[in-house]
């Protein structure tokens, strides 16, 4: 059985990796989706957790922007998703 902490760590690493070539700061949700390799269809999966960038974008607020790093994107998405 995969522990929740391992799932969180793996999803975070996948988000950070997917945004490795993004140009920061990212100022809008549209720009964030465009920064993912496959746009809204970019998928992160670990254990029984599966999330697309499009789904993750729905839990962000305009007040979350601008994002200054891939790590801040990942941490915000994970917090909002309850992971």
C-alpha atoms as a PDB file:
ATOM      1  CA  UNK A   1       0.000   0.000   0.000  1.00  0.00           C
ATOM      2  CA  UNK A   2       1.322   3.430  -0.953  1.00  0.00           C
ATOM      3  CA  UNK A   3       1.435   5.886   1.924  1.00  0.00           C
ATOM      4  CA  UNK A   4      -0.273   9.266   1.481  1.00  0.00           C
ATOM      5  CA  UNK A   5       3.029  11.089   2.037  1.00  0.00           C
ATOM      6  CA  UNK A   6       4.606   9.100  -0.803  1.00  0.00           C
ATOM      7  CA  UNK A   7       1.705   9.982  -3.113  1.00  0.00           C
ATOM      8  CA  UNK A   8       2.037  13.657  -2.241  1.00  0.00           C
ATOM      9  CA  UNK A   9       5.796  13.562  -2.781  1.00  0.00           C
ATOM     10  CA  UNK A  10       5.446  11.808  -6.143  1.00  0.00           C
ATOM     11  CA  UNK A  11       2.682  14.108  -7.436  1.00  0.00           C
ATOM     12  CA  UNK A  12       4.715  17.141  -6.337  1.00  0.00           C
ATOM     13  CA  UNK A  13       7.784  15.822  -8.168  1.00  0.00           C
ATOM     14  CA  UNK A  14       5.714  15.207 -11.306  1.00  0.00           C
ATOM     15  CA  UNK A  15       4.261  18.739 -11.278  1.00  0.00           C
ATOM     16  CA  UNK A  16       7.690  20.291 -10.704  1.00  0.00           C
ATOM     17  CA  UNK A  17       9.156  18.121 -13.467  1.00  0.00           C
ATOM     18  CA  UNK A  18       6.370  19.006 -15.893  1.00  0.00           C
ATOM     19  CA  UNK A  19       7.065  22.705 -15.325  1.00  0.00           C
ATOM     20  CA  UNK A  20      10.849  22.384 -15.579  1.00  0.00           C
ATOM     21  CA  UNK A  21      10.983  24.377 -18.820  1.00  0.00           C
ATOM     22  CA  UNK A  22       8.331  26.941 -17.899  1.00  0.00           C
ATOM     23  CA  UNK A  23       9.137  30.629 -17.870  1.00  0.00           C
ATOM     24  CA  UNK A  24       8.344  32.181 -14.502  1.00  0.00           C
ATOM     25  CA  UNK A  25       6.656  34.217 -13.228  1.00  0.00           C
ATOM     26  CA  UNK A  26       3.397  32.742 -14.498  1.00  0.00           C
ATOM     27  CA  UNK A  27       0.657  35.336 -14.184  1.00  0.00           C
ATOM     28  CA  UNK A  28      -2.567  33.626 -15.302  1.00  0.00           C
ATOM     29  CA  UNK A  29      -4.260  30.255 -15.357  1.00  0.00           C
ATOM     30  CA  UNK A  30      -4.136  30.256 -19.154  1.00  0.00           C
ATOM     31  CA  UNK A  31      -0.368  30.801 -19.046  1.00  0.00           C
ATOM     32  CA  UNK A  32      -0.013  28.048 -16.439  1.00  0.00           C
ATOM     33  CA  UNK A  33      -1.863  25.512 -18.579  1.00  0.00           C
ATOM     34  CA  UNK A  34       0.241  26.521 -21.576  1.00  0.00           C
ATOM     35  CA  UNK A  35       3.396  25.887 -19.526  1.00  0.00           C
ATOM     36  CA  UNK A  36       2.570  22.191 -19.057  1.00  0.00           C
ATOM     37  CA  UNK A  37       3.974  19.903 -21.797  1.00  0.00           C
ATOM     38  CA  UNK A  38       0.539  18.613 -22.860  1.00  0.00           C
ATOM     39  CA  UNK A  39      -1.450  21.621 -21.695  1.00  0.00           C
ATOM     40  CA  UNK A  40      -4.616  20.805 -19.749  1.00  0.00           C
ATOM     41  CA  UNK A  41      -4.191  17.104 -20.580  1.00  0.00           C
ATOM     42  CA  UNK A  42      -0.838  16.797 -18.750  1.00  0.00           C
ATOM     43  CA  UNK A  43      -1.463  14.072 -16.166  1.00  0.00           C
ATOM     44  CA  UNK A  44       0.176  13.320 -12.840  1.00  0.00           C
ATOM     45  CA  UNK A  45      -0.510   9.990 -11.168  1.00  0.00           C
ATOM     46  CA  UNK A  46       0.653   8.224  -8.015  1.00  0.00           C
ATOM     47  CA  UNK A  47      -1.096   5.489  -6.085  1.00  0.00           C
ATOM     48  CA  UNK A  48      -4.826   5.978  -6.556  1.00  0.00           C
ATOM     49  CA  UNK A  49      -4.478   9.725  -7.200  1.00  0.00           C
ATOM     50  CA  UNK A  50      -4.691  10.940 -10.783  1.00  0.00           C
ATOM     51  CA  UNK A  51      -4.974  14.595 -11.739  1.00  0.00           C
ATOM     52  CA  UNK A  52      -4.732  16.520 -14.995  1.00  0.00           C
ATOM     53  CA  UNK A  53      -3.403  20.051 -15.224  1.00  0.00           C
ATOM     54  CA  UNK A  54      -6.886  21.117 -16.323  1.00  0.00           C
ATOM     55  CA  UNK A  55      -8.422  19.659 -13.162  1.00  0.00           C
ATOM     56  CA  UNK A  56      -5.720  21.227 -11.011  1.00  0.00           C
ATOM     57  CA  UNK A  57      -6.305  24.595 -12.645  1.00  0.00           C
ATOM     58  CA  UNK A  58      -9.931  24.539 -11.489  1.00  0.00           C
ATOM     59  CA  UNK A  59      -8.873  24.649  -7.824  1.00  0.00           C
ATOM     60  CA  UNK A  60      -6.607  27.687  -8.198  1.00  0.00           C
ATOM     61  CA  UNK A  61      -7.715  31.273  -7.632  1.00  0.00           C
ATOM     62  CA  UNK A  62      -6.626  34.419  -9.425  1.00  0.00           C
ATOM     63  CA  UNK A  63      -5.204  35.549  -6.081  1.00  0.00           C
ATOM     64  CA  UNK A  64      -2.744  32.615  -6.261  1.00  0.00           C
ATOM     65  CA  UNK A  65      -0.986  34.301  -9.181  1.00  0.00           C
ATOM     66  CA  UNK A  66       1.683  35.138 -10.065  1.00  0.00           C
ATOM     67  CA  UNK A  67       3.585  31.939  -9.420  1.00  0.00           C
ATOM     68  CA  UNK A  68       7.334  32.424  -9.104  1.00  0.00           C
ATOM     69  CA  UNK A  69       8.414  28.756  -9.304  1.00  0.00           C
ATOM     70  CA  UNK A  70       7.300  25.256 -10.200  1.00  0.00           C
ATOM     71  CA  UNK A  71       7.566  24.358  -6.520  1.00  0.00           C
ATOM     72  CA  UNK A  72       5.080  27.062  -5.540  1.00  0.00           C
ATOM     73  CA  UNK A  73       2.645  25.801  -8.200  1.00  0.00           C
ATOM     74  CA  UNK A  74       2.959  22.236  -6.911  1.00  0.00           C
ATOM     75  CA  UNK A  75       2.602  23.214  -3.254  1.00  0.00           C
ATOM     76  CA  UNK A  76      -0.504  25.308  -3.935  1.00  0.00           C
ATOM     77  CA  UNK A  77      -2.183  22.610  -6.030  1.00  0.00           C
ATOM     78  CA  UNK A  78      -1.429  19.911  -3.433  1.00  0.00           C
ATOM     79  CA  UNK A  79      -2.746  22.050  -0.581  1.00  0.00           C
ATOM     80  CA  UNK A  80      -5.974  22.839  -2.441  1.00  0.00           C
ATOM     81  CA  UNK A  81      -6.427  19.195  -3.426  1.00  0.00           C
ATOM     82  CA  UNK A  82      -6.136  18.165   0.220  1.00  0.00           C
ATOM     83  CA  UNK A  83      -2.972  16.142  -0.266  1.00  0.00           C
END
